Protein backbone atom coordinates (compact mmCIF):
# COMPACT_ATOMS: atom_id res chain seq x y z
CA UNK A 1 -8.17 -23.62 -26.73
CA UNK A 2 -6.19 -26.90 -26.40
CA UNK A 3 -4.41 -27.44 -23.11
CA UNK A 4 -1.36 -29.60 -22.48
CA UNK A 5 -0.94 -31.99 -19.59
CA UNK A 6 2.66 -31.71 -18.55
CA UNK A 7 4.95 -34.63 -19.28
CA UNK A 8 7.15 -36.27 -16.68
CA UNK A 9 10.07 -34.22 -17.99
CA UNK A 10 8.11 -31.01 -17.48
CA UNK A 11 7.17 -31.71 -13.86
CA UNK A 12 10.35 -30.07 -12.65
CA UNK A 13 9.59 -26.98 -14.70
CA UNK A 14 6.09 -26.86 -13.26
CA UNK A 15 7.42 -27.10 -9.74
CA UNK A 16 9.88 -24.30 -10.42
CA UNK A 17 7.06 -22.17 -11.78
CA UNK A 18 4.90 -23.13 -8.81
CA UNK A 19 7.41 -21.69 -6.37
CA UNK A 20 7.05 -18.39 -8.13
CA UNK A 21 3.31 -18.60 -8.38
CA UNK A 22 3.29 -19.08 -4.65
CA UNK A 23 4.80 -15.66 -3.89
CA UNK A 24 2.84 -12.48 -4.59
CA UNK A 25 2.21 -12.04 -8.25
CA UNK A 26 2.85 -8.95 -10.30
CA UNK A 27 0.11 -7.33 -12.30
CA UNK A 28 0.43 -7.24 -16.03
CA UNK A 29 -0.35 -4.13 -17.98
CA UNK A 30 -3.51 -4.18 -20.02
CA UNK A 31 -4.14 -3.30 -23.64
CA UNK A 32 -4.96 0.35 -24.12
CA UNK A 33 -8.38 -0.21 -25.67
CA UNK A 34 -9.69 -3.71 -24.90
CA UNK A 35 -12.64 -4.93 -26.88
CA UNK A 36 -14.01 -6.24 -23.59
CA UNK A 37 -15.51 -2.84 -22.89
CA UNK A 38 -17.28 -2.53 -26.22
CA UNK A 39 -20.49 -4.04 -24.93
CA UNK A 40 -20.65 -1.71 -21.94
CA UNK A 41 -23.22 1.05 -21.79
CA UNK A 42 -21.92 4.33 -23.21
CA UNK A 43 -21.98 7.06 -20.60
CA UNK A 44 -21.06 10.73 -20.54
CA UNK A 45 -17.38 11.24 -19.71
CA UNK A 46 -16.29 13.23 -16.69
CA UNK A 47 -14.66 16.50 -17.85
CA UNK A 48 -11.37 15.80 -16.05
CA UNK A 49 -8.31 14.62 -17.94
CA UNK A 50 -6.15 14.23 -14.82
CA UNK A 51 -6.70 14.32 -11.06
CA UNK A 52 -4.73 13.21 -8.01
CA UNK A 53 -4.88 13.46 -4.22
CA UNK A 54 -1.78 13.05 -2.07
CA UNK A 55 -1.65 12.94 1.71
CA UNK A 56 1.41 14.42 3.42
CA UNK A 57 3.06 12.90 6.47
CA UNK A 58 1.55 15.63 8.67
CA UNK A 59 -1.99 14.77 7.53
CA UNK A 60 -2.46 17.57 5.03
CA UNK A 61 -3.56 16.93 1.44
CA UNK A 62 -2.48 18.29 -1.93
CA UNK A 63 -4.97 18.03 -4.78
CA UNK A 64 -4.32 18.70 -8.45
CA UNK A 65 -6.40 18.30 -11.60
CA UNK A 66 -6.82 19.23 -15.24
CA UNK A 67 -10.12 19.95 -16.97
CA UNK A 68 -11.70 22.30 -19.53
CA UNK A 69 -13.90 23.79 -16.78
CA UNK A 70 -13.61 27.43 -15.77
CA UNK A 71 -13.38 26.59 -12.08
CA UNK A 72 -13.52 23.61 -9.75
CA UNK A 73 -14.97 23.61 -6.23
CA UNK A 74 -13.51 21.10 -3.79
CA UNK A 75 -15.48 19.49 -0.97
CA UNK A 76 -14.00 17.07 1.58
CA UNK A 77 -16.26 14.07 2.23
CA UNK A 78 -15.85 10.88 4.29
CA UNK A 79 -17.55 8.65 1.71
CA UNK A 80 -17.08 8.50 -2.07
CA UNK A 81 -20.88 8.58 -2.43
CA UNK A 82 -21.43 11.65 -0.27
CA UNK A 83 -22.65 14.81 -2.00
CA UNK A 84 -22.21 17.17 0.95
CA UNK A 85 -19.25 17.71 3.22
CA UNK A 86 -16.72 20.37 4.20
CA UNK A 87 -15.95 22.99 1.51
CA UNK A 88 -12.19 23.48 1.22
CA UNK A 89 -11.86 25.89 -1.69
CA UNK A 90 -12.24 26.75 -5.36
CA UNK A 91 -9.51 26.91 -7.99
CA UNK A 92 -9.20 27.16 -11.80
CA UNK A 93 -10.34 24.35 -14.06
CA UNK A 94 -6.74 23.23 -14.33
CA UNK A 95 -5.12 23.84 -10.99
CA UNK A 96 -4.27 22.62 -7.52
CA UNK A 97 -5.28 23.17 -3.94
CA UNK A 98 -3.62 22.41 -0.62
CA UNK A 99 -5.59 21.39 2.44
CA UNK A 100 -3.24 22.07 5.38
CA UNK A 101 -2.96 19.65 8.29
CA UNK A 102 -5.54 20.42 10.95
CA UNK A 103 -8.07 21.83 8.48
CA UNK A 104 -10.15 18.68 8.62
CA UNK A 105 -11.12 16.64 11.68
CA UNK A 106 -9.85 13.08 12.14
CA UNK A 107 -11.54 10.57 9.84
CA UNK A 108 -10.88 7.06 8.61
CA UNK A 109 -10.19 8.48 5.16
CA UNK A 110 -10.92 11.75 3.42
CA UNK A 111 -12.23 11.82 -0.14
CA UNK A 112 -12.37 15.00 -2.19
CA UNK A 113 -15.27 15.81 -4.48
CA UNK A 114 -14.14 17.95 -7.41
CA UNK A 115 -17.14 19.79 -8.85
CA UNK A 116 -16.55 21.72 -12.09
CA UNK A 117 -18.67 24.72 -13.04
CA UNK A 118 -19.94 22.59 -15.90
CA UNK A 119 -20.12 18.82 -16.12
CA UNK A 120 -20.08 15.94 -13.66
CA UNK A 121 -18.04 15.85 -10.44
CA UNK A 122 -15.14 13.50 -9.77
CA UNK A 123 -14.14 12.00 -6.41
CA UNK A 124 -10.44 11.43 -5.67
CA UNK A 125 -8.53 10.25 -2.61
CA UNK A 126 -5.08 9.29 -1.41
CA UNK A 127 -4.67 5.66 -2.49
CA UNK A 128 -3.08 4.29 0.67
CA UNK A 129 -5.22 3.59 3.72
CA UNK A 130 -2.15 4.01 5.91
CA UNK A 131 -2.28 0.48 7.30
CA UNK A 132 1.19 -0.12 8.69
CA UNK A 133 0.90 -3.92 8.90
CA UNK A 134 -0.20 -4.02 5.25
CA UNK A 135 1.70 -1.19 3.61
CA UNK A 136 0.69 -2.22 0.10
CA UNK A 137 -3.03 -1.90 0.97
CA UNK A 138 -4.22 0.67 -1.57
CA UNK A 139 -7.15 1.76 -3.70
CA UNK A 140 -7.11 0.82 -7.39
CA UNK A 141 -9.62 3.59 -8.17
CA UNK A 142 -8.85 7.05 -9.47
CA UNK A 143 -7.46 6.00 -12.85
CA UNK A 144 -8.73 7.44 -16.14
CA UNK A 145 -9.74 5.09 -18.96
CA UNK A 146 -9.01 5.53 -22.64
CA UNK A 147 -12.63 6.55 -23.28
CA UNK A 148 -12.58 9.35 -20.68
CA UNK A 149 -14.22 7.54 -17.77
CA UNK A 150 -12.69 7.10 -14.32
CA UNK A 151 -12.37 4.06 -12.07
CA UNK A 152 -14.35 4.76 -8.91
CA UNK A 153 -12.49 5.15 -5.65
CA UNK A 154 -13.43 3.25 -2.50
CA UNK A 155 -14.74 0.08 -4.17
CA UNK A 156 -11.72 -2.17 -4.82
CA UNK A 157 -8.45 -2.41 -2.91
CA UNK A 158 -5.28 -4.42 -3.50
CA UNK A 159 -3.03 -5.46 -0.62
CA UNK A 160 -0.35 -7.69 0.82
CA UNK A 161 -1.22 -10.30 3.47
CA UNK A 162 -3.69 -9.29 6.18
CA UNK A 163 -2.46 -11.58 8.95
CA UNK A 164 -1.06 -8.78 11.12
CA UNK A 165 -3.97 -6.35 11.22
CA UNK A 166 -4.36 -4.60 14.56
CA UNK A 167 -7.79 -3.85 16.00
CA UNK A 168 -7.46 -0.24 14.85
CA UNK A 169 -6.48 -1.33 11.34
CA UNK A 170 -9.46 -3.67 11.18
CA UNK A 171 -11.66 -0.73 12.07
CA UNK A 172 -10.07 1.23 9.25
CA UNK A 173 -11.27 -1.49 6.88
CA UNK A 174 -14.75 -1.35 8.41
CA UNK A 175 -14.84 2.43 7.99
CA UNK A 176 -14.15 1.94 4.28
CA UNK A 177 -17.03 -0.55 3.98
CA UNK A 178 -14.82 -3.50 3.04
CA UNK A 179 -17.10 -6.55 3.06
CA UNK A 180 -15.17 -9.10 0.96
CA UNK A 181 -11.59 -10.37 1.17
CA UNK A 182 -10.28 -12.49 -1.74
CA UNK A 183 -7.10 -14.38 -0.86
CA UNK A 184 -4.86 -15.38 -3.82
CA UNK A 185 -2.32 -17.28 -1.69
CA UNK A 186 -1.66 -21.01 -1.60
CA UNK A 187 -2.68 -23.38 1.19
CA UNK A 188 0.65 -23.24 3.02
CA UNK A 189 0.68 -19.46 3.08
CA UNK A 190 -2.90 -19.31 4.27
CA UNK A 191 -2.17 -21.81 7.05
CA UNK A 192 1.00 -20.07 8.27
CA UNK A 193 -0.38 -16.52 8.11
CA UNK A 194 -4.18 -16.62 8.22
CA UNK A 195 -5.97 -13.35 7.55
CA UNK A 196 -7.14 -11.46 10.62
CA UNK A 197 -10.39 -9.82 9.60
CA UNK A 198 -13.08 -7.78 11.33
CA UNK A 199 -16.47 -9.35 11.88
CA UNK A 200 -18.75 -9.14 8.88
CA UNK A 201 -16.04 -9.41 6.21
CA UNK A 202 -16.60 -12.44 3.97
CA UNK A 203 -13.50 -14.48 3.16
CA UNK A 204 -12.96 -16.17 -0.21
CA UNK A 205 -10.00 -18.16 -1.53
CA UNK A 206 -8.85 -17.83 -5.16
CA UNK A 207 -5.59 -19.79 -5.04
CA UNK A 208 -3.48 -18.91 -8.08
CA UNK A 209 -1.24 -21.97 -7.60
CA UNK A 210 -4.00 -24.47 -6.79
CA UNK A 211 -3.77 -27.94 -8.32
CA UNK A 212 -7.47 -28.62 -7.81
CA UNK A 213 -7.95 -28.34 -11.58
CA UNK A 214 -4.93 -30.48 -12.36
CA UNK A 215 -1.36 -29.68 -13.37
CA UNK A 216 -2.21 -28.39 -16.84
CA UNK A 217 -0.86 -25.68 -19.09
CA UNK A 218 -2.06 -24.03 -22.29
CA UNK A 219 1.35 -24.51 -23.88
CA UNK A 220 4.31 -26.81 -23.29
CA UNK A 221 5.62 -26.06 -19.80
CA UNK A 222 9.19 -26.65 -20.96
CA UNK A 223 8.75 -24.25 -23.87
CA UNK A 224 7.28 -21.56 -21.62
CA UNK A 225 10.10 -22.10 -19.14
CA UNK A 226 12.81 -21.84 -21.79
CA UNK A 227 11.32 -18.67 -23.31
CA UNK A 228 10.92 -17.06 -19.90
CA UNK A 229 14.53 -17.75 -18.93
CA UNK A 230 15.80 -16.41 -22.24
CA UNK A 231 13.66 -13.27 -21.97
CA UNK A 232 14.76 -12.72 -18.38
CA UNK A 233 18.42 -13.01 -19.28
CA UNK A 234 17.99 -10.72 -22.27
CA UNK A 235 16.21 -8.05 -20.22
CA UNK A 236 18.72 -8.22 -17.38
CA UNK A 237 16.13 -9.35 -14.84
CA UNK A 238 17.37 -9.29 -11.24
CA UNK A 239 15.23 -12.34 -10.40
CA UNK A 240 14.87 -15.10 -12.97
CA UNK A 241 12.36 -16.84 -10.74
CA UNK A 242 9.97 -13.94 -11.16
CA UNK A 243 10.71 -13.73 -14.87
CA UNK A 244 9.54 -17.34 -15.06
CA UNK A 245 6.57 -16.93 -12.73
CA UNK A 246 4.74 -14.20 -14.60
CA UNK A 247 4.24 -16.04 -17.92
CA UNK A 248 3.13 -19.11 -15.97
CA UNK A 249 0.32 -17.06 -14.36
CA UNK A 250 -1.10 -16.88 -17.89
CA UNK A 251 -0.08 -20.35 -19.06
CA UNK A 252 -1.13 -22.32 -15.94
CA UNK A 253 -4.78 -23.44 -16.16
CA UNK A 254 -5.27 -23.27 -12.39
CA UNK A 255 -4.43 -19.57 -12.42
CA UNK A 256 -7.21 -18.98 -14.98
CA UNK A 257 -9.76 -20.22 -12.46
CA UNK A 258 -8.33 -18.04 -9.69
CA UNK A 259 -8.35 -14.81 -11.69
CA UNK A 260 -11.80 -15.58 -13.07
CA UNK A 261 -13.07 -16.07 -9.52
CA UNK A 262 -11.44 -12.78 -8.51
CA UNK A 263 -13.11 -10.74 -11.27
CA UNK A 264 -16.45 -12.46 -10.69
CA UNK A 265 -16.24 -11.76 -6.95
CA UNK A 266 -15.59 -8.06 -7.57
CA UNK A 267 -18.47 -7.86 -10.03
CA UNK A 268 -20.98 -9.59 -7.76
CA UNK A 269 -20.08 -8.10 -4.37
CA UNK A 270 -23.08 -5.86 -3.91
CA UNK A 271 -22.73 -5.08 -0.22
CA UNK A 272 -19.57 -2.98 -0.08
CA UNK A 273 -15.93 -2.82 -1.14
CA UNK A 274 -13.60 -5.71 -2.03
CA UNK A 275 -9.95 -6.23 -1.12
CA UNK A 276 -7.79 -8.90 -2.75
CA UNK A 277 -4.26 -9.86 -1.87
CA UNK A 278 -1.42 -12.37 -1.93
CA UNK A 279 1.62 -12.28 0.40
CA UNK A 280 3.53 -9.17 -0.63
CA UNK A 281 0.72 -7.73 -2.73
CA UNK A 282 2.87 -7.23 -5.79
CA UNK A 283 3.00 -10.31 -8.04
CA UNK A 284 -0.20 -12.36 -8.04
CA UNK A 285 -2.03 -9.28 -6.82
CA UNK A 286 -0.16 -7.22 -9.41
CA UNK A 287 -1.30 -9.37 -12.30
CA UNK A 288 -4.85 -9.54 -10.96
CA UNK A 289 -4.93 -5.74 -10.75
CA UNK A 290 -3.51 -5.40 -14.25
CA UNK A 291 -6.18 -7.72 -15.61
CA UNK A 292 -9.00 -5.88 -13.85
CA UNK A 293 -7.80 -2.42 -14.86
CA UNK A 294 -7.32 -3.53 -18.47
CA UNK A 295 -10.83 -4.94 -18.59
CA UNK A 296 -12.06 -1.54 -17.40
CA UNK A 297 -10.20 0.22 -20.22
CA UNK A 298 -7.30 1.74 -18.29
CA UNK A 299 -4.36 2.35 -20.67
CA UNK A 300 -1.27 0.17 -20.49
CA UNK A 301 1.11 2.88 -19.27
CA UNK A 302 -1.19 3.61 -16.33
CA UNK A 303 -1.43 -0.10 -15.50
CA UNK A 304 2.35 -0.33 -15.57
CA UNK A 305 2.64 2.68 -13.25
CA UNK A 306 0.25 1.07 -10.77
CA UNK A 307 2.30 -2.11 -10.93
CA UNK A 308 5.58 -0.30 -10.28
CA UNK A 309 4.03 1.59 -7.35
CA UNK A 310 4.61 -1.52 -5.23
CA UNK A 311 8.27 -0.44 -5.10
CA UNK A 312 7.13 2.71 -3.30
CA UNK A 313 4.49 1.23 -1.02
CA UNK A 314 6.57 -1.76 0.09
CA UNK A 315 9.61 0.42 0.68
CA UNK A 316 11.66 -1.88 -1.55
CA UNK A 317 12.80 -0.16 -4.77
CA UNK A 318 13.45 -3.59 -6.32
CA UNK A 319 10.19 -5.27 -5.32
CA UNK A 320 9.00 -5.49 -8.92
CA UNK A 321 10.39 -4.94 -12.39
CA UNK A 322 8.44 -3.82 -15.41
CA UNK A 323 9.89 -6.64 -17.50
CA UNK A 324 8.07 -9.19 -15.33
CA UNK A 325 4.69 -7.64 -16.00
CA UNK A 326 5.41 -7.27 -19.68
CA UNK A 327 6.36 -10.95 -19.83
CA UNK A 328 2.86 -11.87 -18.66
CA UNK A 329 1.28 -9.64 -21.30
CA UNK A 330 3.59 -11.13 -23.92
CA UNK A 331 2.36 -14.60 -22.92
CA UNK A 332 -1.22 -13.39 -23.37
CA UNK A 333 -0.40 -12.28 -26.90
CA UNK A 334 1.44 -15.54 -27.61
CA UNK A 335 -1.37 -17.81 -26.42
CA UNK A 336 -4.45 -15.80 -27.39
CA UNK A 337 -3.45 -13.12 -29.87
CA UNK A 338 -4.91 -10.30 -27.80
CA UNK A 339 -6.03 -9.46 -24.28
CA UNK A 340 -9.75 -9.59 -25.04
CA UNK A 341 -9.49 -13.20 -26.20
CA UNK A 342 -7.54 -14.07 -23.03
CA UNK A 343 -10.39 -12.70 -20.93
CA UNK A 344 -13.05 -14.50 -22.96
CA UNK A 345 -11.35 -17.86 -23.68
CA UNK A 346 -8.67 -18.14 -20.99
CA UNK A 347 -10.47 -16.70 -17.97
CA UNK A 348 -13.89 -17.50 -19.45
CA UNK A 349 -15.30 -14.16 -18.37
CA UNK A 350 -18.50 -13.49 -20.30
CA UNK A 351 -19.76 -10.19 -21.68
CA UNK A 352 -22.32 -9.88 -18.88
CA UNK A 353 -19.58 -9.95 -16.22
CA UNK A 354 -17.47 -7.42 -18.13
CA UNK A 355 -20.51 -5.15 -18.43
CA UNK A 356 -21.22 -5.56 -14.70
CA UNK A 357 -17.65 -4.63 -13.81
CA UNK A 358 -17.73 -1.53 -15.98
CA UNK A 359 -21.14 -0.44 -14.75
CA UNK A 360 -20.09 -0.87 -11.13
CA UNK A 361 -16.55 0.52 -11.21
CA UNK A 362 -16.63 3.31 -13.79
CA UNK A 363 -17.99 6.81 -13.40
CA UNK A 364 -21.20 7.77 -15.18
């Protein structure tokens, strides 16, 4: 589609937007049934319609699920790929089970394999890795798609900055087989707070605010700015800067390159798990997560819930607002008509990459 080089009068608007693109970006909620997944291989759906794992402060776990199975057997495993582990109980096909603290030995992270009496198993885990210096470090797996598949746990993580990782926290990353770190921050942020990573983790920059591709927008920067301010005022946004920043993550050409690089990196990392992050792990990381989950077929309400979870993980109930995320999705619709066209024409993600993402990250 045609892009617009900003005029002298729009430079100020671009700089204003840039200051918002610099902070962590919020993830936008994806369309419920993106055409992007149409080319993916059709696979048998897991017979679970809901499943969660929550870790209590004392180290115990509470598991719950819904399925048409008669019964479900639960096994604790230390890897999402493991097929054997520690049996912890059996419960009805729709039910719950508590694993008290002390039942399981210490481990970097416990996963729980739910095996129905008929059908394929599902692996769930507490999302947070419990990394105190990066409290928004969490798994984006464990979500159900509109076609009945599940996003695999233990393969992709979202986080805030990783500059304060302790040695023990680095080992936690190693235990979860993290081999690639994609940094969405700008050059100043990266210089002031460089990531502290364990040996063997590859580092890649995907700067959302980079000007290496020019200061270009898909629409008039002044028009986008005016609409964003009006929408923010109308919705009662507590932060007009963020209300402006989200649409610009879709309108700014440089951001297209960054999010394309992110999705491509996830698809092609064949040696382990990937973590991506910005500074607070809620804005740029939020939109990147929303894009990825939407491509995988996760419904919009689930994407929005994942986005809002930053309020819980950061400990700041006002860290993000749903209106910000929805503003980014509205800009997608304005510029491209639908999310699938944004992926194909804006991010220039081809069908092969979409198929690779779905084959890698969705359950069989």
